[in-house]
Protein backbone atom coordinates (compact mmCIF):
# COMPACT_ATOMS: atom_id res chain seq x y z
CA MET A 1 14.05 16.98 5.77
CA PRO A 2 11.59 17.70 8.63
CA VAL A 3 7.99 18.30 7.67
CA ASP A 4 6.21 21.40 8.96
CA PRO A 5 3.11 20.06 10.80
CA THR A 6 1.06 22.97 9.48
CA ASP A 7 1.86 21.83 5.93
CA CYS A 8 0.77 18.18 6.37
CA VAL A 9 -2.08 16.31 4.75
CA THR A 10 -3.79 13.40 6.48
CA ILE A 11 -5.34 10.60 4.44
CA GLN A 12 -7.67 8.09 6.04
CA LEU A 13 -7.68 4.55 4.70
CA SER A 14 -9.19 1.41 6.08
CA ARG A 15 -6.66 -1.19 7.22
CA SER A 16 -7.54 -3.28 4.15
CA GLU A 17 -7.04 -0.32 1.83
CA ALA A 18 -3.70 0.50 3.45
CA LEU A 19 -2.55 -3.11 3.14
CA ILE A 20 -3.50 -3.26 -0.54
CA LEU A 21 -1.77 0.06 -1.25
CA PHE A 22 1.36 -1.11 0.57
CA GLU A 23 1.38 -4.40 -1.35
CA TRP A 24 1.07 -2.55 -4.67
CA LEU A 25 3.84 -0.07 -3.81
CA ALA A 26 6.16 -2.81 -2.53
CA LYS A 27 5.54 -4.97 -5.59
CA HIS A 28 6.40 -2.13 -7.97
CA ASP A 29 9.42 -1.12 -5.90
CA ALA A 30 10.78 -4.68 -5.72
CA SER A 31 10.30 -5.28 -9.44
CA GLY A 32 12.17 -2.09 -10.35
CA ASP A 33 9.10 -0.97 -12.27
CA SER A 34 9.30 2.78 -11.87
CA MET A 35 6.19 3.30 -14.04
CA ALA A 36 8.14 6.08 -15.78
CA LEU A 37 8.06 8.23 -12.66
CA GLY A 38 10.14 11.30 -12.14
CA PRO A 39 12.51 11.48 -9.18
CA ALA A 40 10.12 13.60 -7.09
CA GLU A 41 7.23 11.18 -7.63
CA GLN A 42 9.44 8.20 -6.81
CA GLN A 43 10.64 9.84 -3.61
CA VAL A 44 7.06 10.53 -2.49
CA LEU A 45 5.97 6.94 -3.22
CA TRP A 46 8.95 5.58 -1.26
CA LYS A 47 7.92 7.77 1.67
CA VAL A 48 4.32 6.53 1.51
CA GLU A 49 5.54 2.93 1.30
CA GLY A 50 7.81 3.43 4.31
CA GLN A 51 5.06 5.07 6.37
CA LEU A 52 2.69 2.21 5.58
CA GLU A 53 5.34 -0.39 6.41
CA LYS A 54 5.89 1.23 9.83
CA THR A 55 2.13 1.34 10.47
CA LEU A 56 1.08 -2.11 9.27
CA ASP A 57 2.28 -4.86 11.61
CA GLU A 58 0.71 -7.38 9.19
CA VAL A 59 3.73 -6.91 6.91
CA LEU A 60 5.90 -8.94 9.29
CA LEU A 61 3.42 -11.71 10.05
CA PRO A 62 3.88 -15.20 8.56
CA ASP A 63 0.35 -15.12 7.09
CA TYR A 64 0.92 -11.79 5.31
CA GLN A 65 -0.14 -13.07 1.88
CA ALA A 66 -3.33 -14.56 3.31
CA ARG A 67 -4.09 -11.19 4.89
CA VAL A 68 -3.54 -9.44 1.54
CA ILE A 69 -5.96 -11.86 -0.13
CA ALA A 70 -8.51 -11.28 2.64
CA ALA A 71 -8.09 -7.51 2.25
CA ARG A 72 -8.73 -7.78 -1.50
CA LYS A 73 -11.87 -9.79 -0.84
CA SER A 74 -13.02 -7.27 1.74
CA ILE A 75 -12.52 -4.32 -0.59
CA LEU A 76 -14.12 -5.97 -3.58
CA GLY A 77 -16.88 -7.60 -1.55
CA LYS A 78 -16.34 -10.82 -3.47
CA GLU A 79 -15.58 -14.43 -2.67
CA ASP A 80 -12.81 -14.59 -5.31
CA PRO A 81 -10.41 -11.58 -5.28
CA ASP A 82 -9.34 -12.37 -8.87
CA ASP A 83 -12.92 -12.37 -10.15
CA GLU A 84 -13.34 -9.07 -11.98
CA THR A 85 -16.97 -9.64 -12.92
CA THR A 86 -19.80 -7.61 -11.41
């Protein structure tokens, strides 16, 4: 269904934020974990995932996982992205 441009919302994310959001959406989609979403919510999340996938060329690069790790570090401002202290 076409979207009326006057009824659109624009969200600005850094490239790292977009990559992390895409990774999270893709992981939940691939695992079949619907997080108890309703059909409307699932449809919206699929659309967001698809838009991010079209925008982020990193998704197709061989070092994708390294880029995700670097994005996590960048967002958290930490050396270890799994370190939840501080």
